[in-house]
Amino acid sequence: MLTRLFELRDEVIQFLDIQKQTELFVEFKTPWVQVIFAYLSDIFDSLNTLNLKLQGGDSNIIHHRDAITAYTEKLQLWKRKILAFNYSCFPKLLAITEEACFKEILDVIDTKNQISNHLQHLTDEFKRYFPDSCNNIMYRLATDPFHVDIDMLPDTLQEQALEIKNDTAAQYDFEKMDKALFWIKYLQDYPSTAEQALKLFLPFSSTYLCEKAFSAVVAIKTKYRSKLDIASDLRCALSSTEPRIGNLVKTMQAHPSH
């Protein structure tokens, strides 16, 4: 929304002028407001990209942790660039600062410090909302058991971790398989280690599945089908198992002709 509004800012200014919205017209036309508008548009674009990475039924807390950690580190990178008067990380802000009228504003107003402070506050809010609740050594064990420091693991897991580390078949599977599926496969071979690793994959990391189910309910149970028992239909809508139509057709008996 912000991106679209930023792209149409000239048209919006013209519209406000026609509608005699003097206060909004003057405020919106101010170069400083447009600079902040460009910056916020870039920030929300990056947040939307992050939000898409956190969607999906197969997402887990490990995947989300990696994505959020990477984003907070990007915020710090952008902060360092802004303090060095490098706006390349924000395309819209970079484009608007190349115009002469905006360069004067940037020289008069301490833009870089205001933007860098905002980036720092954004980083702090991310760390507050998404604290690093994963035990680092267990996180490393779950995500890369072949390079984990054995001495840092609990005594009950060290021997099994050594066995996994020297299991070439397990190493081959780990490179080819999803991490959660890998630990499920080796649950019987290395029960203690696999159980601890799987605990990191079990928590629901988002409300995506609930939102997907609610959307399916809305689509299935319309006002014209309000008395419908949707249990079976909802199970089919949410299941990831694809029906084997060919086999179902073969087992059906055709209606005999008279």
Protein backbone atom coordinates (compact mmCIF):
# COMPACT_ATOMS: atom_id res chain seq x y z
CA MET A 1 0.00 0.00 0.00
CA LEU A 2 2.76 2.45 0.94
CA THR A 3 4.70 1.60 -2.21
CA ARG A 4 1.70 2.29 -4.42
CA LEU A 5 0.95 5.53 -2.59
CA PHE A 6 4.58 6.61 -2.94
CA GLU A 7 4.51 5.92 -6.68
CA LEU A 8 1.38 8.07 -7.00
CA ARG A 9 2.58 10.88 -4.72
CA ASP A 10 2.44 13.52 -7.49
CA GLU A 11 -1.13 12.52 -8.31
CA VAL A 12 -2.05 12.56 -4.62
CA ILE A 13 -0.64 16.08 -4.24
CA GLN A 14 -2.65 17.20 -7.25
CA PHE A 15 -5.79 15.56 -5.85
CA LEU A 16 -5.38 17.26 -2.46
CA ASP A 17 -4.94 20.60 -4.21
CA ILE A 18 -8.12 20.11 -6.23
CA GLN A 19 -10.06 19.05 -3.13
CA LYS A 20 -8.87 22.17 -1.26
CA GLN A 21 -7.27 20.06 1.47
CA THR A 22 -4.77 22.81 2.20
CA GLU A 23 -3.23 21.38 5.37
CA LEU A 24 -2.70 17.92 3.89
CA PHE A 25 -1.52 19.43 0.60
CA VAL A 26 1.17 21.52 2.28
CA GLU A 27 2.26 18.68 4.56
CA PHE A 28 2.38 16.08 1.80
CA LYS A 29 4.33 18.37 -0.51
CA THR A 30 7.05 19.01 2.07
CA PRO A 31 10.34 17.44 0.87
CA TRP A 32 11.11 16.11 4.35
CA VAL A 33 7.79 14.23 4.46
CA GLN A 34 8.48 12.69 1.06
CA VAL A 35 11.95 11.57 2.19
CA ILE A 36 10.47 9.81 5.21
CA PHE A 37 7.69 8.46 3.01
CA ALA A 38 10.29 6.91 0.66
CA TYR A 39 12.19 5.39 3.58
CA LEU A 40 9.05 3.89 5.15
CA SER A 41 8.00 2.49 1.79
CA ASP A 42 11.34 0.68 1.50
CA ILE A 43 11.13 -0.61 5.08
CA PHE A 44 7.62 -1.99 4.60
CA ASP A 45 8.68 -3.67 1.36
CA SER A 46 11.41 -5.49 3.27
CA LEU A 47 8.95 -6.44 6.03
CA ASN A 48 6.52 -7.82 3.46
CA THR A 49 9.32 -9.92 1.98
CA LEU A 50 10.15 -11.27 5.44
CA ASN A 51 6.48 -12.00 6.09
CA LEU A 52 6.29 -14.14 2.94
CA LYS A 53 9.28 -16.16 4.14
CA LEU A 54 7.43 -16.93 7.38
CA GLN A 55 4.37 -18.34 5.61
CA GLY A 56 3.71 -21.94 4.60
CA GLY A 57 2.44 -25.11 6.22
CA ASP A 58 5.90 -26.69 6.35
CA SER A 59 7.53 -23.80 8.18
CA ASN A 60 9.03 -24.49 11.58
CA ILE A 61 10.68 -22.56 14.36
CA ILE A 62 14.16 -23.32 12.99
CA HIS A 63 13.31 -21.81 9.61
CA HIS A 64 11.67 -18.78 11.22
CA ARG A 65 14.59 -18.26 13.60
CA ASP A 66 17.03 -18.20 10.69
CA ALA A 67 14.88 -15.77 8.67
CA ILE A 68 14.36 -13.37 11.58
CA THR A 69 18.02 -13.49 12.63
CA ALA A 70 19.07 -12.70 9.07
CA TYR A 71 16.63 -9.77 8.94
CA THR A 72 17.81 -8.25 12.22
CA GLU A 73 21.39 -8.47 10.99
CA LYS A 74 20.30 -6.74 7.77
CA LEU A 75 18.84 -3.93 9.87
CA GLN A 76 22.22 -3.43 11.52
CA LEU A 77 23.94 -3.50 8.12
CA TRP A 78 21.52 -0.85 6.82
CA LYS A 79 22.15 1.24 9.94
CA ARG A 80 25.90 1.22 9.32
CA LYS A 81 25.37 2.17 5.68
CA ILE A 82 23.02 5.03 6.56
CA LEU A 83 25.54 6.44 9.04
CA ALA A 84 28.07 6.39 6.19
CA PHE A 85 25.60 8.32 3.96
CA ASN A 86 25.11 5.21 1.82
CA TYR A 87 21.44 4.89 0.85
CA SER A 88 21.90 2.02 -1.62
CA CYS A 89 20.00 -0.40 0.63
CA PHE A 90 16.81 1.65 0.19
CA PRO A 91 16.02 2.01 -3.56
CA LYS A 92 13.20 4.56 -3.26
CA LEU A 93 15.07 6.66 -0.73
CA LEU A 94 18.19 6.55 -2.90
CA ALA A 95 16.22 7.67 -5.97
CA ILE A 96 14.58 10.57 -4.17
CA THR A 97 17.80 11.79 -2.50
CA GLU A 98 19.44 12.22 -5.90
CA GLU A 99 17.06 15.10 -6.65
CA ALA A 100 18.49 18.54 -5.86
CA CYS A 101 15.60 19.79 -3.71
CA PHE A 102 15.85 16.77 -1.43
CA LYS A 103 19.63 17.01 -1.05
CA GLU A 104 19.22 20.40 0.62
CA ILE A 105 16.71 18.97 3.07
CA LEU A 106 19.02 16.09 3.93
CA ASP A 107 21.81 18.56 4.65
CA VAL A 108 19.65 20.72 6.91
CA ILE A 109 17.88 17.96 8.83
CA ASP A 110 19.86 15.20 10.50
CA THR A 111 18.25 12.46 8.43
CA LYS A 112 20.88 9.80 8.84
CA ASN A 113 20.68 9.82 12.64
CA GLN A 114 16.88 9.73 12.64
CA ILE A 115 16.82 6.80 10.22
CA SER A 116 19.60 4.95 12.04
CA ASN A 117 17.75 5.42 15.36
CA HIS A 118 14.60 4.02 13.82
CA LEU A 119 16.50 1.00 12.49
CA GLN A 120 17.95 0.40 15.95
CA HIS A 121 14.50 0.63 17.56
CA LEU A 122 13.17 -1.78 14.95
CA THR A 123 15.98 -4.22 15.77
CA ASP A 124 15.23 -3.95 19.49
CA GLU A 125 11.53 -4.62 18.87
CA PHE A 126 12.32 -7.72 16.81
CA LYS A 127 14.52 -9.05 19.60
CA ARG A 128 11.78 -8.34 22.13
CA TYR A 129 9.04 -10.00 20.10
CA PHE A 130 11.22 -12.89 18.92
CA PRO A 131 13.65 -13.70 21.75
CA ASP A 132 16.32 -16.30 21.06
CA SER A 133 14.65 -19.10 23.00
CA CYS A 134 16.57 -21.89 21.27
CA ASN A 135 19.44 -23.41 23.20
CA ASN A 136 22.36 -22.63 20.93
CA ILE A 137 24.13 -25.97 21.33
CA MET A 138 20.90 -27.93 20.80
CA TYR A 139 20.10 -25.72 17.83
CA ARG A 140 23.47 -26.60 16.31
CA LEU A 141 22.89 -30.27 17.03
CA ALA A 142 19.50 -30.20 15.30
CA THR A 143 20.67 -28.23 12.28
CA ASP A 144 24.19 -29.61 11.80
CA PRO A 145 25.00 -32.66 13.96
CA PHE A 146 28.17 -33.42 11.98
CA HIS A 147 29.99 -30.24 13.00
CA VAL A 148 28.69 -29.73 16.53
CA ASP A 149 31.13 -29.45 19.43
CA ILE A 150 30.65 -32.76 21.26
CA ASP A 151 32.15 -31.49 24.52
CA MET A 152 29.48 -28.78 24.75
CA LEU A 153 26.61 -31.30 24.64
CA PRO A 154 25.02 -32.86 27.74
CA ASP A 155 26.72 -36.06 28.90
CA THR A 156 23.67 -38.14 27.96
CA LEU A 157 23.95 -37.11 24.30
CA GLN A 158 27.68 -37.09 23.70
CA GLU A 159 28.14 -40.77 22.79
CA GLN A 160 25.17 -40.85 20.41
CA ALA A 161 26.30 -37.60 18.85
CA LEU A 162 29.71 -39.18 18.17
CA GLU A 163 28.01 -42.16 16.54
CA ILE A 164 25.96 -39.86 14.31
CA LYS A 165 29.02 -37.80 13.46
CA ASN A 166 30.78 -40.90 12.12
CA ASP A 167 27.74 -42.41 10.37
CA THR A 168 28.39 -41.84 6.65
CA ALA A 169 24.90 -43.05 5.67
CA ALA A 170 23.34 -40.56 8.07
CA GLN A 171 25.54 -37.79 6.71
CA TYR A 172 24.41 -38.60 3.16
CA ASP A 173 20.74 -38.59 4.23
CA PHE A 174 21.17 -35.32 6.14
CA GLU A 175 22.40 -33.57 3.01
CA LYS A 176 19.48 -34.86 0.93
CA MET A 177 16.55 -34.81 3.36
CA ASP A 178 14.54 -32.23 5.24
CA LYS A 179 16.04 -31.86 8.72
CA ALA A 180 12.87 -32.81 10.59
CA LEU A 181 12.34 -35.88 8.39
CA PHE A 182 15.97 -36.85 8.92
CA TRP A 183 15.57 -36.95 12.69
CA ILE A 184 12.31 -38.88 12.39
CA LYS A 185 14.07 -41.48 10.23
CA TYR A 186 16.89 -41.92 12.75
CA LEU A 187 14.67 -41.78 15.84
CA GLN A 188 15.05 -45.52 16.47
CA ASP A 189 18.80 -45.57 15.81
CA TYR A 190 19.63 -42.54 17.98
CA PRO A 191 16.56 -42.05 20.22
CA SER A 192 17.94 -39.64 22.83
CA THR A 193 19.59 -37.28 20.35
CA ALA A 194 16.71 -37.40 17.86
CA GLU A 195 14.12 -36.67 20.55
CA GLN A 196 16.01 -33.60 21.73
CA ALA A 197 16.45 -32.37 18.16
CA LEU A 198 12.79 -32.92 17.26
CA LYS A 199 11.68 -30.80 20.22
CA LEU A 200 12.90 -27.77 18.28
CA PHE A 201 10.76 -28.66 15.26
CA LEU A 202 7.52 -29.44 17.13
CA PRO A 203 6.26 -26.01 18.29
CA PHE A 204 3.87 -24.20 15.96
CA SER A 205 5.87 -21.22 14.81
CA SER A 206 2.97 -19.30 13.25
CA THR A 207 -0.82 -19.25 12.93
CA TYR A 208 -0.61 -20.12 9.23
CA LEU A 209 -2.34 -23.53 9.58
CA CYS A 210 -5.18 -22.01 11.63
CA GLU A 211 -5.65 -19.22 9.10
CA LYS A 212 -5.63 -21.73 6.25
CA ALA A 213 -8.25 -23.86 7.98
CA PHE A 214 -10.44 -20.83 8.70
CA SER A 215 -10.24 -19.76 5.04
CA ALA A 216 -11.27 -23.27 3.99
CA VAL A 217 -14.26 -23.17 6.36
CA VAL A 218 -15.37 -19.81 4.94
CA ALA A 219 -15.11 -21.16 1.38
CA ILE A 220 -16.94 -24.42 2.11
CA LYS A 221 -19.65 -23.32 4.52
CA THR A 222 -21.35 -20.40 2.81
CA LYS A 223 -24.67 -18.90 3.87
CA TYR A 224 -26.37 -21.22 1.39
CA ARG A 225 -24.81 -24.27 3.07
CA SER A 226 -25.00 -23.16 6.69
CA LYS A 227 -26.36 -26.51 7.93
CA LEU A 228 -23.63 -28.54 6.24
CA ASP A 229 -21.48 -30.81 8.43
CA ILE A 230 -18.08 -29.82 7.09
CA ALA A 231 -15.92 -32.34 9.00
CA SER A 232 -15.28 -34.62 6.01
CA ASP A 233 -15.03 -31.79 3.48
CA LEU A 234 -12.63 -29.87 5.71
CA ARG A 235 -10.43 -32.94 6.15
CA CYS A 236 -10.15 -33.27 2.37
CA ALA A 237 -9.48 -29.56 1.93
CA LEU A 238 -6.67 -29.46 4.49
CA SER A 239 -5.06 -32.83 3.81
CA SER A 240 -1.74 -32.84 1.98
CA THR A 241 -2.39 -36.39 0.73
CA GLU A 242 -3.30 -36.43 -2.95
CA PRO A 243 -6.20 -38.75 -3.82
CA ARG A 244 -5.38 -41.66 -6.13
CA ILE A 245 -8.28 -41.12 -8.49
CA GLY A 246 -7.25 -43.96 -10.81
CA ASN A 247 -7.34 -46.55 -8.04
CA LEU A 248 -10.65 -45.22 -6.73
CA VAL A 249 -12.22 -45.49 -10.17
CA LYS A 250 -10.97 -49.06 -10.62
CA THR A 251 -12.52 -50.22 -7.34
CA MET A 252 -15.92 -48.74 -8.13
CA GLN A 253 -18.55 -51.04 -9.52
CA ALA A 254 -20.42 -49.68 -12.49
CA HIS A 255 -24.18 -49.51 -12.16
CA PRO A 256 -25.55 -52.61 -13.97
CA SER A 257 -27.89 -52.03 -16.86
CA HIS A 258 -31.34 -53.60 -16.86
